[in-house]
Amino acid sequence: MIELCDIHYAYRDETGQPRPVLNGISMRIEPGESLAIMGANGSGKSTLVKCCNGLLLPGRGQVRVEGLDTADARQLPAIRRLIGMIFQNPDNQIVSTTVEREIAFGLENLGVPVDEMHARVDAMLRQFDLEPYRLKSPHYLSGGEKQRLALAAVLAMQPRYLILDEPTSLLDPQHRRQIIDLLGLLRQQQEVACVLVTQFADEALAAQRLAVLAGGRLFLEGEPPEIFSRVEELLAVGLEPPLPFFLDHLLQS
């Protein structure tokens, strides 16, 4: 379980003054669950998920991952084995010269035995339809293929939690659908908890639970259909529900 307890975080503006971004968020992320996080720009979504694995440390409050405290630097390596992260732009994560080397990179850092490493790389190439590109440079891949490669490289390390910070925002609708379908299969087949930060309501609708942030606080939380039925509250914080929910609201008004 990932536990966030009364998390506060502030950035410094150009004058050096603190600008609060998270203002007392508490929530739990259960093993194997699917959680979507939405919010308008500046609501604190990316800051929140970066606190989950210690990329950022809260100014106040505590984050625990399977009982490990992100504030303890000695525990960060173990925490980052438990949590894999995928960012918006896969180019920012790719570090190797070939596709297979990219998938093997994290495994080498973990000290995975060579035979097991080869087996995991082969499995990820098959699962993510990357076998034809095994020896190609990642930089020749399309945006959707690069994002699949980023997923394969992280999942080869067998994390228990996968956090994705707007991974489809730079993709066309077809590649967006591919990524979301892959995430659904991963949760079913490997019981990996998926935390998806997204700006697309249709992606959030596929999750088990939806958390809406506003002003650095947890504004709404619950099952996506129930949250999306609260149309006026969502519109008040700059979010639009999927069209069927919006039309239903108009018909009932």
Protein backbone atom coordinates (compact mmCIF):
# COMPACT_ATOMS: atom_id res chain seq x y z
CA MET A 1 0.00 0.00 0.00
CA ILE A 2 1.08 3.58 -0.72
CA GLU A 3 -0.06 5.90 2.07
CA LEU A 4 -0.01 9.69 1.78
CA CYS A 5 -0.65 11.35 5.12
CA ASP A 6 -1.42 15.11 5.21
CA ILE A 7 0.96 15.95 2.37
CA HIS A 8 2.02 19.57 1.89
CA TYR A 9 4.42 20.81 -0.78
CA ALA A 10 5.46 24.26 -2.03
CA TYR A 11 7.67 25.46 -4.87
CA ARG A 12 9.66 28.68 -4.76
CA ASP A 13 8.61 31.40 -7.20
CA GLU A 14 11.00 33.77 -8.99
CA THR A 15 11.17 35.99 -5.89
CA GLY A 16 12.04 33.05 -3.64
CA GLN A 17 8.64 33.02 -1.95
CA PRO A 18 6.96 29.64 -1.34
CA ARG A 19 4.04 28.83 -3.65
CA PRO A 20 1.91 26.06 -2.11
CA VAL A 21 0.97 23.29 -4.53
CA LEU A 22 -0.25 20.52 -2.20
CA ASN A 23 -2.30 21.51 0.83
CA GLY A 24 -2.90 18.55 3.12
CA ILE A 25 -3.71 15.59 0.88
CA SER A 26 -4.29 12.19 2.49
CA MET A 27 -5.08 9.07 0.47
CA ARG A 28 -4.21 5.40 0.03
CA ILE A 29 -3.31 3.44 -3.09
CA GLU A 30 -4.03 -0.26 -2.69
CA PRO A 31 -2.00 -3.06 -4.32
CA GLY A 32 -3.52 -4.16 -7.63
CA GLU A 33 -6.02 -1.30 -7.94
CA SER A 34 -6.56 1.12 -10.81
CA LEU A 35 -6.63 4.79 -9.80
CA ALA A 36 -7.05 7.78 -12.10
CA ILE A 37 -6.09 11.29 -11.00
CA MET A 38 -7.53 14.37 -12.68
CA GLY A 39 -7.40 18.10 -12.08
CA ALA A 40 -6.96 21.39 -13.89
CA ASN A 41 -3.48 22.71 -14.64
CA GLY A 42 -1.74 23.67 -11.40
CA SER A 43 -3.94 21.47 -9.22
CA GLY A 44 -0.93 19.46 -7.98
CA LYS A 45 -1.34 16.16 -9.88
CA SER A 46 2.27 15.73 -11.04
CA THR A 47 3.66 16.95 -7.73
CA LEU A 48 1.53 14.43 -5.87
CA VAL A 49 2.70 11.40 -7.84
CA LYS A 50 6.34 12.51 -7.66
CA CYS A 51 5.98 12.45 -3.89
CA CYS A 52 4.90 8.80 -4.06
CA ASN A 53 8.38 7.45 -4.83
CA GLY A 54 10.54 10.14 -3.25
CA LEU A 55 11.33 12.18 -6.37
CA LEU A 56 9.93 15.01 -4.26
CA LEU A 57 9.80 15.09 -0.47
CA PRO A 58 6.81 16.83 1.13
CA GLY A 59 7.48 19.88 3.25
CA ARG A 60 5.02 18.46 5.77
CA GLY A 61 3.35 15.08 6.08
CA GLN A 62 4.53 11.56 5.38
CA VAL A 63 4.58 9.13 2.44
CA ARG A 64 4.95 5.39 3.13
CA VAL A 65 5.31 2.67 0.51
CA GLU A 66 4.74 -0.82 1.91
CA GLY A 67 5.75 0.65 5.27
CA LEU A 68 8.90 2.35 3.91
CA ASP A 69 9.23 6.10 4.51
CA THR A 70 10.27 8.20 1.47
CA ALA A 71 11.94 10.68 3.83
CA ASP A 72 14.54 8.01 4.72
CA ALA A 73 17.17 8.09 1.96
CA ARG A 74 18.29 4.57 2.90
CA GLN A 75 14.87 3.23 1.94
CA LEU A 76 14.57 4.99 -1.43
CA PRO A 77 16.24 2.20 -3.49
CA ALA A 78 13.72 -0.32 -2.16
CA ILE A 79 10.84 2.11 -2.73
CA ARG A 80 11.88 2.68 -6.34
CA ARG A 81 11.97 -1.06 -6.97
CA LEU A 82 8.35 -1.18 -5.85
CA ILE A 83 7.20 1.82 -7.91
CA GLY A 84 7.80 2.29 -11.62
CA MET A 85 7.14 5.70 -13.19
CA ILE A 86 6.28 6.70 -16.75
CA PHE A 87 6.32 10.37 -17.73
CA GLN A 88 4.54 12.40 -20.39
CA ASN A 89 7.43 12.46 -22.88
CA PRO A 90 9.14 9.08 -23.33
CA ASP A 91 12.18 10.78 -24.88
CA ASN A 92 13.03 12.03 -21.40
CA GLN A 93 13.33 8.43 -20.12
CA ILE A 94 15.14 6.72 -22.98
CA VAL A 95 18.88 6.39 -22.32
CA SER A 96 20.12 3.46 -24.45
CA THR A 97 21.15 3.02 -28.08
CA THR A 98 18.89 0.06 -28.94
CA VAL A 99 15.45 -1.09 -27.92
CA GLU A 100 16.66 -4.28 -26.23
CA ARG A 101 19.39 -2.39 -24.35
CA GLU A 102 16.77 0.06 -23.10
CA ILE A 103 14.71 -2.75 -21.60
CA ALA A 104 17.83 -4.36 -20.09
CA PHE A 105 19.15 -1.10 -18.60
CA GLY A 106 17.10 -1.14 -15.39
CA LEU A 107 17.62 -4.89 -14.94
CA GLU A 108 21.39 -4.42 -15.05
CA ASN A 109 21.12 -1.73 -12.37
CA LEU A 110 19.12 -4.13 -10.21
CA GLY A 111 21.74 -6.86 -10.64
CA VAL A 112 19.35 -9.33 -12.27
CA PRO A 113 21.24 -12.51 -13.36
CA VAL A 114 22.09 -12.59 -17.07
CA ASP A 115 19.87 -15.57 -18.00
CA GLU A 116 16.87 -14.08 -16.24
CA MET A 117 17.61 -10.68 -17.79
CA HIS A 118 17.54 -12.14 -21.29
CA ALA A 119 14.29 -13.94 -20.54
CA ARG A 120 12.63 -10.77 -19.23
CA VAL A 121 13.83 -8.68 -22.19
CA ASP A 122 12.48 -11.26 -24.66
CA ALA A 123 9.15 -11.39 -22.81
CA MET A 124 8.77 -7.61 -22.84
CA LEU A 125 9.64 -7.37 -26.54
CA ARG A 126 6.88 -9.89 -27.31
CA GLN A 127 4.30 -8.43 -24.94
CA PHE A 128 4.69 -4.88 -26.27
CA ASP A 129 5.06 -5.81 -29.96
CA LEU A 130 8.63 -4.50 -30.10
CA GLU A 131 10.42 -7.58 -31.46
CA PRO A 132 10.88 -6.12 -34.97
CA TYR A 133 12.70 -3.14 -33.41
CA ARG A 134 14.98 -5.12 -31.06
CA LEU A 135 18.25 -3.77 -32.52
CA LYS A 136 16.96 -0.40 -33.71
CA SER A 137 17.64 2.93 -32.02
CA PRO A 138 14.64 4.01 -29.91
CA HIS A 139 14.81 7.45 -31.49
CA TYR A 140 13.52 6.03 -34.79
CA LEU A 141 10.31 4.77 -33.15
CA SER A 142 6.98 6.55 -33.34
CA GLY A 143 5.55 8.30 -30.30
CA GLY A 144 3.29 5.36 -29.47
CA GLU A 145 6.13 2.87 -29.91
CA LYS A 146 8.40 4.93 -27.65
CA GLN A 147 5.75 5.00 -24.95
CA ARG A 148 5.33 1.21 -25.26
CA LEU A 149 9.11 0.89 -24.91
CA ALA A 150 9.11 3.08 -21.78
CA LEU A 151 6.40 0.84 -20.32
CA ALA A 152 8.28 -2.33 -21.24
CA ALA A 153 11.50 -1.05 -19.66
CA VAL A 154 9.75 -0.20 -16.40
CA LEU A 155 7.65 -3.35 -16.21
CA ALA A 156 10.67 -5.58 -16.89
CA MET A 157 11.77 -4.59 -13.37
CA GLN A 158 8.51 -6.06 -12.02
CA PRO A 159 7.25 -3.17 -9.88
CA ARG A 160 4.17 -3.59 -7.70
CA TYR A 161 2.92 -0.09 -8.55
CA LEU A 162 3.01 1.72 -11.88
CA ILE A 163 2.56 5.49 -11.89
CA LEU A 164 1.93 7.19 -15.23
CA ASP A 165 1.97 10.98 -15.47
CA GLU A 166 -0.14 11.90 -18.53
CA PRO A 167 1.51 9.21 -20.70
CA THR A 168 -0.94 9.67 -23.60
CA SER A 169 -1.13 13.47 -23.82
CA LEU A 170 1.31 13.63 -26.76
CA LEU A 171 -0.25 10.68 -28.64
CA ASP A 172 -2.93 10.49 -31.32
CA PRO A 173 -6.26 8.79 -30.45
CA GLN A 174 -5.21 5.41 -31.86
CA HIS A 175 -1.98 5.24 -29.83
CA ARG A 176 -3.80 6.58 -26.76
CA ARG A 177 -6.23 3.66 -26.99
CA GLN A 178 -3.36 1.18 -27.36
CA ILE A 179 -1.68 2.41 -24.19
CA ILE A 180 -4.89 2.37 -22.14
CA ASP A 181 -5.75 -1.14 -23.37
CA LEU A 182 -2.25 -2.29 -22.41
CA LEU A 183 -2.67 -0.89 -18.91
CA GLY A 184 -5.92 -2.80 -18.49
CA LEU A 185 -4.24 -6.05 -19.52
CA LEU A 186 -1.32 -5.43 -17.18
CA ARG A 187 -3.56 -4.99 -14.17
CA GLN A 188 -5.51 -8.15 -14.99
CA GLN A 189 -2.54 -10.37 -15.85
CA GLN A 190 0.19 -9.12 -13.51
CA GLU A 191 -1.83 -7.48 -10.69
CA VAL A 192 0.20 -4.29 -11.00
CA ALA A 193 -1.48 -1.28 -9.39
CA CYS A 194 -1.86 1.48 -12.01
CA VAL A 195 -2.02 5.15 -11.04
CA LEU A 196 -2.87 7.21 -14.11
CA VAL A 197 -2.66 11.00 -14.16
CA THR A 198 -4.76 12.03 -17.15
CA GLN A 199 -6.52 14.96 -18.76
CA PHE A 200 -8.89 12.66 -20.66
CA ALA A 201 -12.17 11.77 -18.96
CA ASP A 202 -12.64 8.63 -21.07
CA GLU A 203 -9.35 7.25 -19.73
CA ALA A 204 -10.37 7.99 -16.15
CA LEU A 205 -13.71 6.25 -16.71
CA ALA A 206 -11.85 2.96 -17.21
CA ALA A 207 -10.30 3.13 -13.71
CA GLN A 208 -11.74 1.60 -10.54
CA ARG A 209 -11.36 4.84 -8.59
CA LEU A 210 -11.02 8.51 -9.52
CA ALA A 211 -9.41 11.26 -7.45
CA VAL A 212 -9.99 14.88 -8.48
CA LEU A 213 -7.57 17.52 -7.23
CA ALA A 214 -8.35 21.23 -6.99
CA GLY A 215 -6.24 23.92 -5.37
CA GLY A 216 -3.80 21.34 -4.06
CA ARG A 217 -6.51 19.47 -2.18
CA LEU A 218 -8.41 16.24 -2.71
CA PHE A 219 -11.68 17.67 -4.05
CA LEU A 220 -13.60 14.51 -5.00
CA GLU A 221 -12.86 10.79 -4.71
CA GLY A 222 -14.89 7.72 -5.64
CA GLU A 223 -15.93 5.48 -8.49
CA PRO A 224 -15.64 7.31 -11.84
CA PRO A 225 -19.35 7.10 -12.84
CA GLU A 226 -20.37 8.61 -9.50
CA ILE A 227 -17.77 11.39 -9.75
CA PHE A 228 -18.64 12.21 -13.37
CA SER A 229 -22.31 12.51 -12.45
CA ARG A 230 -21.39 15.54 -10.31
CA VAL A 231 -21.22 17.76 -13.37
CA GLU A 232 -21.57 21.18 -11.78
CA GLU A 233 -18.85 20.48 -9.21
CA LEU A 234 -16.47 19.33 -11.95
CA LEU A 235 -17.19 22.33 -14.15
CA ALA A 236 -16.52 24.61 -11.17
CA VAL A 237 -12.92 23.33 -11.00
CA GLY A 238 -12.28 23.42 -14.75
CA LEU A 239 -13.05 19.79 -15.68
CA GLU A 240 -15.58 18.37 -18.12
CA PRO A 241 -17.17 14.93 -17.65
CA PRO A 242 -17.57 12.51 -20.57
CA LEU A 243 -20.26 13.66 -23.01
CA PRO A 244 -22.97 11.14 -21.93
CA PHE A 245 -22.76 12.40 -18.33
CA PHE A 246 -22.91 16.02 -19.49
CA LEU A 247 -25.92 15.38 -21.72
CA ASP A 248 -27.70 13.49 -18.94
CA HIS A 249 -27.13 16.47 -16.65
CA LEU A 250 -28.58 18.86 -19.22
CA LEU A 251 -31.66 16.67 -19.69
CA GLN A 252 -32.27 16.59 -15.95
CA SER A 253 -31.83 20.35 -15.49
